[in-house]
C-alpha atoms as a PDB file:
ATOM      1  CA  UNK A   1      13.528  28.133  46.503  1.00  0.00           C
ATOM      2  CA  UNK A   2      14.306  24.789  44.985  1.00  0.00           C
ATOM      3  CA  UNK A   3      14.614  21.623  46.984  1.00  0.00           C
ATOM      4  CA  UNK A   4      18.389  21.847  47.367  1.00  0.00           C
ATOM      5  CA  UNK A   5      18.011  25.309  48.910  1.00  0.00           C
ATOM      6  CA  UNK A   6      20.364  26.987  46.445  1.00  0.00           C
ATOM      7  CA  UNK A   7      17.718  28.586  44.261  1.00  0.00           C
ATOM      8  CA  UNK A   8      19.452  27.137  41.245  1.00  0.00           C
ATOM      9  CA  UNK A   9      17.604  23.851  41.121  1.00  0.00           C
ATOM     10  CA  UNK A  10      19.132  20.436  41.548  1.00  0.00           C
ATOM     11  CA  UNK A  11      21.026  19.267  38.513  1.00  0.00           C
ATOM     12  CA  UNK A  12      19.043  16.733  36.536  1.00  0.00           C
ATOM     13  CA  UNK A  13      20.885  13.476  35.976  1.00  0.00           C
ATOM     14  CA  UNK A  14      21.856  12.918  32.361  1.00  0.00           C
ATOM     15  CA  UNK A  15      19.542  10.582  30.560  1.00  0.00           C
ATOM     16  CA  UNK A  16      20.940   8.096  28.111  1.00  0.00           C
ATOM     17  CA  UNK A  17      19.195   7.927  24.763  1.00  0.00           C
ATOM     18  CA  UNK A  18      17.197   4.727  24.611  1.00  0.00           C
ATOM     19  CA  UNK A  19      16.934   2.926  21.310  1.00  0.00           C
ATOM     20  CA  UNK A  20      13.539   1.420  20.596  1.00  0.00           C
ATOM     21  CA  UNK A  21      13.689  -2.338  20.722  1.00  0.00           C
ATOM     22  CA  UNK A  22      11.963  -4.224  17.957  1.00  0.00           C
ATOM     23  CA  UNK A  23       9.546  -6.892  19.083  1.00  0.00           C
ATOM     24  CA  UNK A  24       9.042  -8.109  15.526  1.00  0.00           C
ATOM     25  CA  UNK A  25       9.762 -11.802  15.152  1.00  0.00           C
ATOM     26  CA  UNK A  26      12.133 -12.565  12.262  1.00  0.00           C
ATOM     27  CA  UNK A  27      10.157 -14.189   9.454  1.00  0.00           C
ATOM     28  CA  UNK A  28      11.691 -17.501   8.499  1.00  0.00           C
ATOM     29  CA  UNK A  29      10.416 -19.544   5.573  1.00  0.00           C
ATOM     30  CA  UNK A  30       8.662 -21.844   8.016  1.00  0.00           C
ATOM     31  CA  UNK A  31       6.992 -18.977   9.871  1.00  0.00           C
ATOM     32  CA  UNK A  32       5.947 -17.335   6.599  1.00  0.00           C
ATOM     33  CA  UNK A  33       4.320 -20.591   5.520  1.00  0.00           C
ATOM     34  CA  UNK A  34       2.560 -20.720   8.898  1.00  0.00           C
ATOM     35  CA  UNK A  35       1.200 -17.189   8.345  1.00  0.00           C
ATOM     36  CA  UNK A  36      -0.133 -18.074   4.916  1.00  0.00           C
ATOM     37  CA  UNK A  37      -1.776 -21.240   6.269  1.00  0.00           C
ATOM     38  CA  UNK A  38      -3.565 -19.211   8.938  1.00  0.00           C
ATOM     39  CA  UNK A  39      -4.731 -16.444   6.605  1.00  0.00           C
ATOM     40  CA  UNK A  40      -7.743 -16.806   4.338  1.00  0.00           C
ATOM     41  CA  UNK A  41      -6.459 -18.928   1.434  1.00  0.00           C
ATOM     42  CA  UNK A  42      -6.211 -17.570  -2.085  1.00  0.00           C
ATOM     43  CA  UNK A  43      -9.097 -18.737  -4.203  1.00  0.00           C
ATOM     44  CA  UNK A  44      -8.248 -20.781  -7.334  1.00  0.00           C
ATOM     45  CA  UNK A  45      -8.221 -17.758  -9.670  1.00  0.00           C
ATOM     46  CA  UNK A  46      -5.882 -15.740  -7.442  1.00  0.00           C
ATOM     47  CA  UNK A  47      -3.636 -18.780  -6.993  1.00  0.00           C
ATOM     48  CA  UNK A  48      -3.520 -19.388 -10.737  1.00  0.00           C
ATOM     49  CA  UNK A  49      -2.667 -15.727 -11.370  1.00  0.00           C
ATOM     50  CA  UNK A  50       0.309 -15.967  -8.986  1.00  0.00           C
ATOM     51  CA  UNK A  51       1.549 -19.054 -10.829  1.00  0.00           C
ATOM     52  CA  UNK A  52       0.958 -17.586 -14.296  1.00  0.00           C
ATOM     53  CA  UNK A  53       2.836 -14.406 -13.358  1.00  0.00           C
ATOM     54  CA  UNK A  54       5.844 -16.302 -12.041  1.00  0.00           C
ATOM     55  CA  UNK A  55       5.873 -18.679 -15.007  1.00  0.00           C
ATOM     56  CA  UNK A  56       5.458 -16.094 -17.780  1.00  0.00           C
ATOM     57  CA  UNK A  57       7.180 -13.052 -16.251  1.00  0.00           C
ATOM     58  CA  UNK A  58       9.960 -14.504 -14.084  1.00  0.00           C
ATOM     59  CA  UNK A  59      12.078 -11.367 -14.322  1.00  0.00           C
ATOM     60  CA  UNK A  60       9.240  -9.160 -13.114  1.00  0.00           C
ATOM     61  CA  UNK A  61       7.206 -11.412 -10.829  1.00  0.00           C
ATOM     62  CA  UNK A  62       8.627  -9.675  -7.756  1.00  0.00           C
ATOM     63  CA  UNK A  63       6.459  -6.691  -8.675  1.00  0.00           C
ATOM     64  CA  UNK A  64       3.370  -8.651  -7.698  1.00  0.00           C
ATOM     65  CA  UNK A  65       1.991  -7.828  -4.247  1.00  0.00           C
ATOM     66  CA  UNK A  66       2.951 -10.335  -1.566  1.00  0.00           C
ATOM     67  CA  UNK A  67       0.552 -13.230  -1.123  1.00  0.00           C
ATOM     68  CA  UNK A  68      -0.503 -12.165   2.377  1.00  0.00           C
ATOM     69  CA  UNK A  69      -1.471  -8.729   1.076  1.00  0.00           C
ATOM     70  CA  UNK A  70      -4.404 -10.101  -0.940  1.00  0.00           C
ATOM     71  CA  UNK A  71      -6.494 -11.134   2.097  1.00  0.00           C
ATOM     72  CA  UNK A  72      -5.382  -7.985   3.926  1.00  0.00           C
ATOM     73  CA  UNK A  73      -6.577  -5.707   1.118  1.00  0.00           C
ATOM     74  CA  UNK A  74      -9.853  -7.623   0.850  1.00  0.00           C
ATOM     75  CA  UNK A  75     -10.270  -7.324   4.629  1.00  0.00           C
ATOM     76  CA  UNK A  76      -9.753  -3.546   4.476  1.00  0.00           C
ATOM     77  CA  UNK A  77     -12.273  -3.190   1.648  1.00  0.00           C
ATOM     78  CA  UNK A  78     -14.891  -4.987   3.737  1.00  0.00           C
ATOM     79  CA  UNK A  79     -13.863  -3.277   6.980  1.00  0.00           C
ATOM     80  CA  UNK A  80     -14.543   0.234   5.716  1.00  0.00           C
ATOM     81  CA  UNK A  81     -17.386  -0.749   3.389  1.00  0.00           C
ATOM     82  CA  UNK A  82     -15.498   0.582   0.366  1.00  0.00           C
ATOM     83  CA  UNK A  83     -17.470   1.070  -2.838  1.00  0.00           C
ATOM     84  CA  UNK A  84     -15.047   3.178  -4.854  1.00  0.00           C
ATOM     85  CA  UNK A  85     -11.401   2.054  -5.061  1.00  0.00           C
ATOM     86  CA  UNK A  86      -8.471   3.422  -7.040  1.00  0.00           C
ATOM     87  CA  UNK A  87      -5.369   1.326  -7.649  1.00  0.00           C
ATOM     88  CA  UNK A  88      -2.204   3.002  -8.883  1.00  0.00           C
ATOM     89  CA  UNK A  89      -0.037   0.274 -10.391  1.00  0.00           C
ATOM     90  CA  UNK A  90      -1.857  -2.896 -11.423  1.00  0.00           C
ATOM     91  CA  UNK A  91       0.830  -5.132 -13.025  1.00  0.00           C
ATOM     92  CA  UNK A  92      -0.875  -8.509 -13.668  1.00  0.00           C
ATOM     93  CA  UNK A  93      -3.963  -7.710 -11.651  1.00  0.00           C
ATOM     94  CA  UNK A  94      -3.447  -9.722  -8.453  1.00  0.00           C
ATOM     95  CA  UNK A  95      -4.247  -6.996  -5.913  1.00  0.00           C
ATOM     96  CA  UNK A  96      -7.028  -5.562  -8.097  1.00  0.00           C
ATOM     97  CA  UNK A  97      -8.666  -8.986  -8.215  1.00  0.00           C
ATOM     98  CA  UNK A  98      -8.455  -9.424  -4.436  1.00  0.00           C
ATOM     99  CA  UNK A  99     -10.055  -6.032  -3.818  1.00  0.00           C
ATOM    100  CA  UNK A 100     -12.697  -6.386  -6.535  1.00  0.00           C
ATOM    101  CA  UNK A 101     -13.823  -9.700  -5.079  1.00  0.00           C
ATOM    102  CA  UNK A 102     -14.427  -7.923  -1.750  1.00  0.00           C
ATOM    103  CA  UNK A 103     -16.467  -5.113  -3.302  1.00  0.00           C
ATOM    104  CA  UNK A 104     -20.252  -5.204  -3.362  1.00  0.00           C
ATOM    105  CA  UNK A 105     -21.764  -5.950  -6.767  1.00  0.00           C
ATOM    106  CA  UNK A 106     -22.214  -2.257  -7.530  1.00  0.00           C
ATOM    107  CA  UNK A 107     -18.729  -1.290  -6.323  1.00  0.00           C
ATOM    108  CA  UNK A 108     -16.101  -0.073  -8.762  1.00  0.00           C
ATOM    109  CA  UNK A 109     -12.304  -0.190  -8.901  1.00  0.00           C
ATOM    110  CA  UNK A 110     -10.335   2.063 -11.240  1.00  0.00           C
ATOM    111  CA  UNK A 111      -7.048   0.338 -12.086  1.00  0.00           C
ATOM    112  CA  UNK A 112      -4.252   2.586 -13.389  1.00  0.00           C
ATOM    113  CA  UNK A 113      -1.374   1.153 -15.396  1.00  0.00           C
ATOM    114  CA  UNK A 114       0.637   1.793 -18.558  1.00  0.00           C
ATOM    115  CA  UNK A 115       1.163  -1.793 -19.749  1.00  0.00           C
ATOM    116  CA  UNK A 116      -1.324  -3.546 -22.012  1.00  0.00           C
ATOM    117  CA  UNK A 117       0.914  -6.643 -21.943  1.00  0.00           C
ATOM    118  CA  UNK A 118       1.046  -7.108 -18.184  1.00  0.00           C
ATOM    119  CA  UNK A 119      -2.556  -6.133 -17.473  1.00  0.00           C
ATOM    120  CA  UNK A 120      -3.762  -8.619 -20.114  1.00  0.00           C
ATOM    121  CA  UNK A 121      -3.095 -11.357 -17.552  1.00  0.00           C
ATOM    122  CA  UNK A 122      -5.276  -9.478 -15.117  1.00  0.00           C
ATOM    123  CA  UNK A 123      -8.114  -9.039 -17.604  1.00  0.00           C
ATOM    124  CA  UNK A 124      -8.285 -12.808 -18.116  1.00  0.00           C
ATOM    125  CA  UNK A 125      -8.253 -13.493 -14.377  1.00  0.00           C
ATOM    126  CA  UNK A 126     -10.895 -10.848 -13.637  1.00  0.00           C
ATOM    127  CA  UNK A 127     -13.181 -12.355 -16.261  1.00  0.00           C
ATOM    128  CA  UNK A 128     -12.583 -15.862 -14.940  1.00  0.00           C
ATOM    129  CA  UNK A 129     -13.456 -14.694 -11.420  1.00  0.00           C
ATOM    130  CA  UNK A 130     -16.582 -12.922 -12.651  1.00  0.00           C
ATOM    131  CA  UNK A 131     -15.567  -9.443 -11.454  1.00  0.00           C
ATOM    132  CA  UNK A 132     -14.505  -7.800 -14.723  1.00  0.00           C
ATOM    133  CA  UNK A 133     -17.586  -5.553 -14.557  1.00  0.00           C
ATOM    134  CA  UNK A 134     -16.301  -4.071 -11.284  1.00  0.00           C
ATOM    135  CA  UNK A 135     -12.866  -3.103 -12.679  1.00  0.00           C
ATOM    136  CA  UNK A 136     -12.277  -0.126 -14.956  1.00  0.00           C
ATOM    137  CA  UNK A 137      -8.747  -0.529 -16.334  1.00  0.00           C
ATOM    138  CA  UNK A 138      -7.278   2.714 -17.651  1.00  0.00           C
ATOM    139  CA  UNK A 139      -4.097   2.400 -19.685  1.00  0.00           C
ATOM    140  CA  UNK A 140      -2.405   5.787 -19.376  1.00  0.00           C
ATOM    141  CA  UNK A 141       0.052   7.570 -17.099  1.00  0.00           C
ATOM    142  CA  UNK A 142      -1.578   7.346 -13.683  1.00  0.00           C
ATOM    143  CA  UNK A 143      -1.167  11.056 -12.967  1.00  0.00           C
ATOM    144  CA  UNK A 144      -3.231  11.828 -16.074  1.00  0.00           C
ATOM    145  CA  UNK A 145      -5.900   9.374 -14.950  1.00  0.00           C
ATOM    146  CA  UNK A 146      -6.004  10.773 -11.422  1.00  0.00           C
ATOM    147  CA  UNK A 147      -6.135  14.391 -12.593  1.00  0.00           C
ATOM    148  CA  UNK A 148      -9.074  13.585 -14.874  1.00  0.00           C
ATOM    149  CA  UNK A 149     -11.132  12.325 -11.912  1.00  0.00           C
ATOM    150  CA  UNK A 150     -13.611  14.569 -10.069  1.00  0.00           C
ATOM    151  CA  UNK A 151     -11.734  16.862  -7.716  1.00  0.00           C
ATOM    152  CA  UNK A 152     -14.120  16.443  -4.783  1.00  0.00           C
ATOM    153  CA  UNK A 153     -13.839  13.603  -2.246  1.00  0.00           C
ATOM    154  CA  UNK A 154     -15.247  10.361  -3.670  1.00  0.00           C
ATOM    155  CA  UNK A 155     -12.631   7.603  -3.139  1.00  0.00           C
ATOM    156  CA  UNK A 156     -13.012   5.154  -0.251  1.00  0.00           C
ATOM    157  CA  UNK A 157      -9.737   3.255  -0.653  1.00  0.00           C
ATOM    158  CA  UNK A 158      -6.620   3.749  -2.764  1.00  0.00           C
ATOM    159  CA  UNK A 159      -3.801   1.245  -3.201  1.00  0.00           C
ATOM    160  CA  UNK A 160      -0.470   2.758  -4.232  1.00  0.00           C
ATOM    161  CA  UNK A 161       2.060   0.339  -5.727  1.00  0.00           C
ATOM    162  CA  UNK A 162       3.671   1.958  -8.751  1.00  0.00           C
ATOM    163  CA  UNK A 163       6.823   3.879  -9.771  1.00  0.00           C
ATOM    164  CA  UNK A 164       8.388   5.203  -6.601  1.00  0.00           C
ATOM    165  CA  UNK A 165       9.559   8.549  -8.012  1.00  0.00           C
ATOM    166  CA  UNK A 166       5.919   9.575  -8.408  1.00  0.00           C
ATOM    167  CA  UNK A 167       4.635   8.451  -5.015  1.00  0.00           C
ATOM    168  CA  UNK A 168       4.408  12.034  -3.705  1.00  0.00           C
ATOM    169  CA  UNK A 169       2.595  13.354  -6.815  1.00  0.00           C
ATOM    170  CA  UNK A 170       0.209  10.383  -6.660  1.00  0.00           C
ATOM    171  CA  UNK A 171      -0.379  11.070  -2.968  1.00  0.00           C
ATOM    172  CA  UNK A 172      -1.132  14.715  -3.639  1.00  0.00           C
ATOM    173  CA  UNK A 173      -3.691  13.807  -6.293  1.00  0.00           C
ATOM    174  CA  UNK A 174      -5.301  11.149  -4.115  1.00  0.00           C
ATOM    175  CA  UNK A 175      -5.575  12.853  -0.719  1.00  0.00           C
ATOM    176  CA  UNK A 176      -8.037  15.630  -1.738  1.00  0.00           C
ATOM    177  CA  UNK A 177     -10.190  13.003  -3.476  1.00  0.00           C
ATOM    178  CA  UNK A 178     -10.420  10.679  -0.453  1.00  0.00           C
ATOM    179  CA  UNK A 179     -13.695  10.530   1.433  1.00  0.00           C
ATOM    180  CA  UNK A 180     -13.510  11.310   5.167  1.00  0.00           C
ATOM    181  CA  UNK A 181     -12.208   8.135   6.779  1.00  0.00           C
ATOM    182  CA  UNK A 182     -10.988   6.861   3.423  1.00  0.00           C
ATOM    183  CA  UNK A 183      -7.776   4.813   3.343  1.00  0.00           C
ATOM    184  CA  UNK A 184      -4.635   5.080   1.274  1.00  0.00           C
ATOM    185  CA  UNK A 185      -2.529   1.921   1.385  1.00  0.00           C
ATOM    186  CA  UNK A 186       1.043   2.450   0.172  1.00  0.00           C
ATOM    187  CA  UNK A 187       3.276  -0.521  -0.585  1.00  0.00           C
ATOM    188  CA  UNK A 188       7.093  -0.839  -0.529  1.00  0.00           C
ATOM    189  CA  UNK A 189       7.652   1.870   2.073  1.00  0.00           C
ATOM    190  CA  UNK A 190      10.834   0.093   3.224  1.00  0.00           C
ATOM    191  CA  UNK A 191      12.155  -0.185  -0.336  1.00  0.00           C
ATOM    192  CA  UNK A 192      14.251  -3.231   0.530  1.00  0.00           C
ATOM    193  CA  UNK A 193      15.556  -1.444   3.690  1.00  0.00           C
ATOM    194  CA  UNK A 194      17.092   1.370   1.644  1.00  0.00           C
ATOM    195  CA  UNK A 195      15.026   3.940   3.550  1.00  0.00           C
ATOM    196  CA  UNK A 196      17.568   3.759   6.394  1.00  0.00           C
ATOM    197  CA  UNK A 197      20.607   4.146   4.147  1.00  0.00           C
ATOM    198  CA  UNK A 198      22.409   7.466   3.889  1.00  0.00           C
ATOM    199  CA  UNK A 199      22.786   7.184   0.122  1.00  0.00           C
ATOM    200  CA  UNK A 200      20.057   4.907  -1.234  1.00  0.00           C
ATOM    201  CA  UNK A 201      19.255   4.298  -4.878  1.00  0.00           C
ATOM    202  CA  UNK A 202      16.962   6.747  -6.638  1.00  0.00           C
ATOM    203  CA  UNK A 203      13.949   4.599  -5.745  1.00  0.00           C
ATOM    204  CA  UNK A 204      15.026   4.384  -2.123  1.00  0.00           C
ATOM    205  CA  UNK A 205      15.548   8.141  -1.957  1.00  0.00           C
ATOM    206  CA  UNK A 206      12.088   8.700  -3.442  1.00  0.00           C
ATOM    207  CA  UNK A 207      10.533   6.483  -0.777  1.00  0.00           C
ATOM    208  CA  UNK A 208      12.529   8.230   1.968  1.00  0.00           C
ATOM    209  CA  UNK A 209      11.036  11.529   0.786  1.00  0.00           C
ATOM    210  CA  UNK A 210       7.565  10.006   0.491  1.00  0.00           C
ATOM    211  CA  UNK A 211       7.621   8.608   4.025  1.00  0.00           C
ATOM    212  CA  UNK A 212       8.650  11.994   5.419  1.00  0.00           C
ATOM    213  CA  UNK A 213       5.930  13.661   3.346  1.00  0.00           C
ATOM    214  CA  UNK A 214       3.263  11.306   4.691  1.00  0.00           C
ATOM    215  CA  UNK A 215       4.392  11.739   8.293  1.00  0.00           C
ATOM    216  CA  UNK A 216       4.090  15.532   7.967  1.00  0.00           C
ATOM    217  CA  UNK A 217       0.652  15.544   6.291  1.00  0.00           C
ATOM    218  CA  UNK A 218      -1.910  16.756   8.840  1.00  0.00           C
ATOM    219  CA  UNK A 219      -4.766  15.746   6.529  1.00  0.00           C
ATOM    220  CA  UNK A 220      -4.010  12.075   7.092  1.00  0.00           C
ATOM    221  CA  UNK A 221      -3.457   9.790  10.073  1.00  0.00           C
ATOM    222  CA  UNK A 222      -0.859   7.197   9.094  1.00  0.00           C
ATOM    223  CA  UNK A 223       0.764   4.091  10.508  1.00  0.00           C
ATOM    224  CA  UNK A 224       3.671   2.169   8.991  1.00  0.00           C
ATOM    225  CA  UNK A 225       3.544  -1.611   9.300  1.00  0.00           C
ATOM    226  CA  UNK A 226       6.157  -4.328   8.888  1.00  0.00           C
ATOM    227  CA  UNK A 227       4.133  -6.185   6.271  1.00  0.00           C
ATOM    228  CA  UNK A 228       6.077  -7.550   3.286  1.00  0.00           C
ATOM    229  CA  UNK A 229       8.336  -4.684   2.050  1.00  0.00           C
ATOM    230  CA  UNK A 230       6.667  -2.203   4.390  1.00  0.00           C
ATOM    231  CA  UNK A 231       3.068  -1.021   4.181  1.00  0.00           C
ATOM    232  CA  UNK A 232       1.648   2.338   5.233  1.00  0.00           C
ATOM    233  CA  UNK A 233      -2.036   2.738   6.039  1.00  0.00           C
ATOM    234  CA  UNK A 234      -3.261   6.337   6.044  1.00  0.00           C
ATOM    235  CA  UNK A 235      -6.761   7.563   6.898  1.00  0.00           C
ATOM    236  CA  UNK A 236      -8.244  10.890   5.764  1.00  0.00           C
ATOM    237  CA  UNK A 237      -9.046  12.940   8.854  1.00  0.00           C
ATOM    238  CA  UNK A 238      -9.391  16.501   7.490  1.00  0.00           C
END
């Protein structure tokens, strides 16, 4: 018998759906400046590359990774002891430079891009920083570059920041090649907040599909962070 003695069980009270409450502090210009001042500062070559990109490519400079992502990526490289990195989407070489500087002298970073013009800025910066020998720039469609790599696990860290329509294909090429415990870092997973829209742009729809794909992938353990335009960190677990 149930506690009310009827045998039917006492009726459970209806529970109201509870919306998760964000504890994220809105980032004002002043708070953003505070964050940058309390992060490791960009070295002179990284700083110059930011300025050169904004001066020479004003219509495209927004493609450069956010300033706070450079010390974060370098931190992750050192944290996991990465020696083999793959970057999908290099633009003017800002994030590649930050990661290459954190690599040991015998570490290597394969940078995938299709633009000789944009990556030329990166080549100059890498040489100026003395890390050009750690970066292997491959000018070709990134899927071709990834598919030409050894199929077995050998990548410690991958940074994904390229054309959004191919995020899932890139992911599927990267995951089997990640070492156990290796990290994939995916940028722009908010896609300017379009991921919560019912009818986003084609890029937003591609990122919606990518985020769902990542969440369902049992090979990886992933967390989504409110860094810049959204950043997902995913670790190879099986």
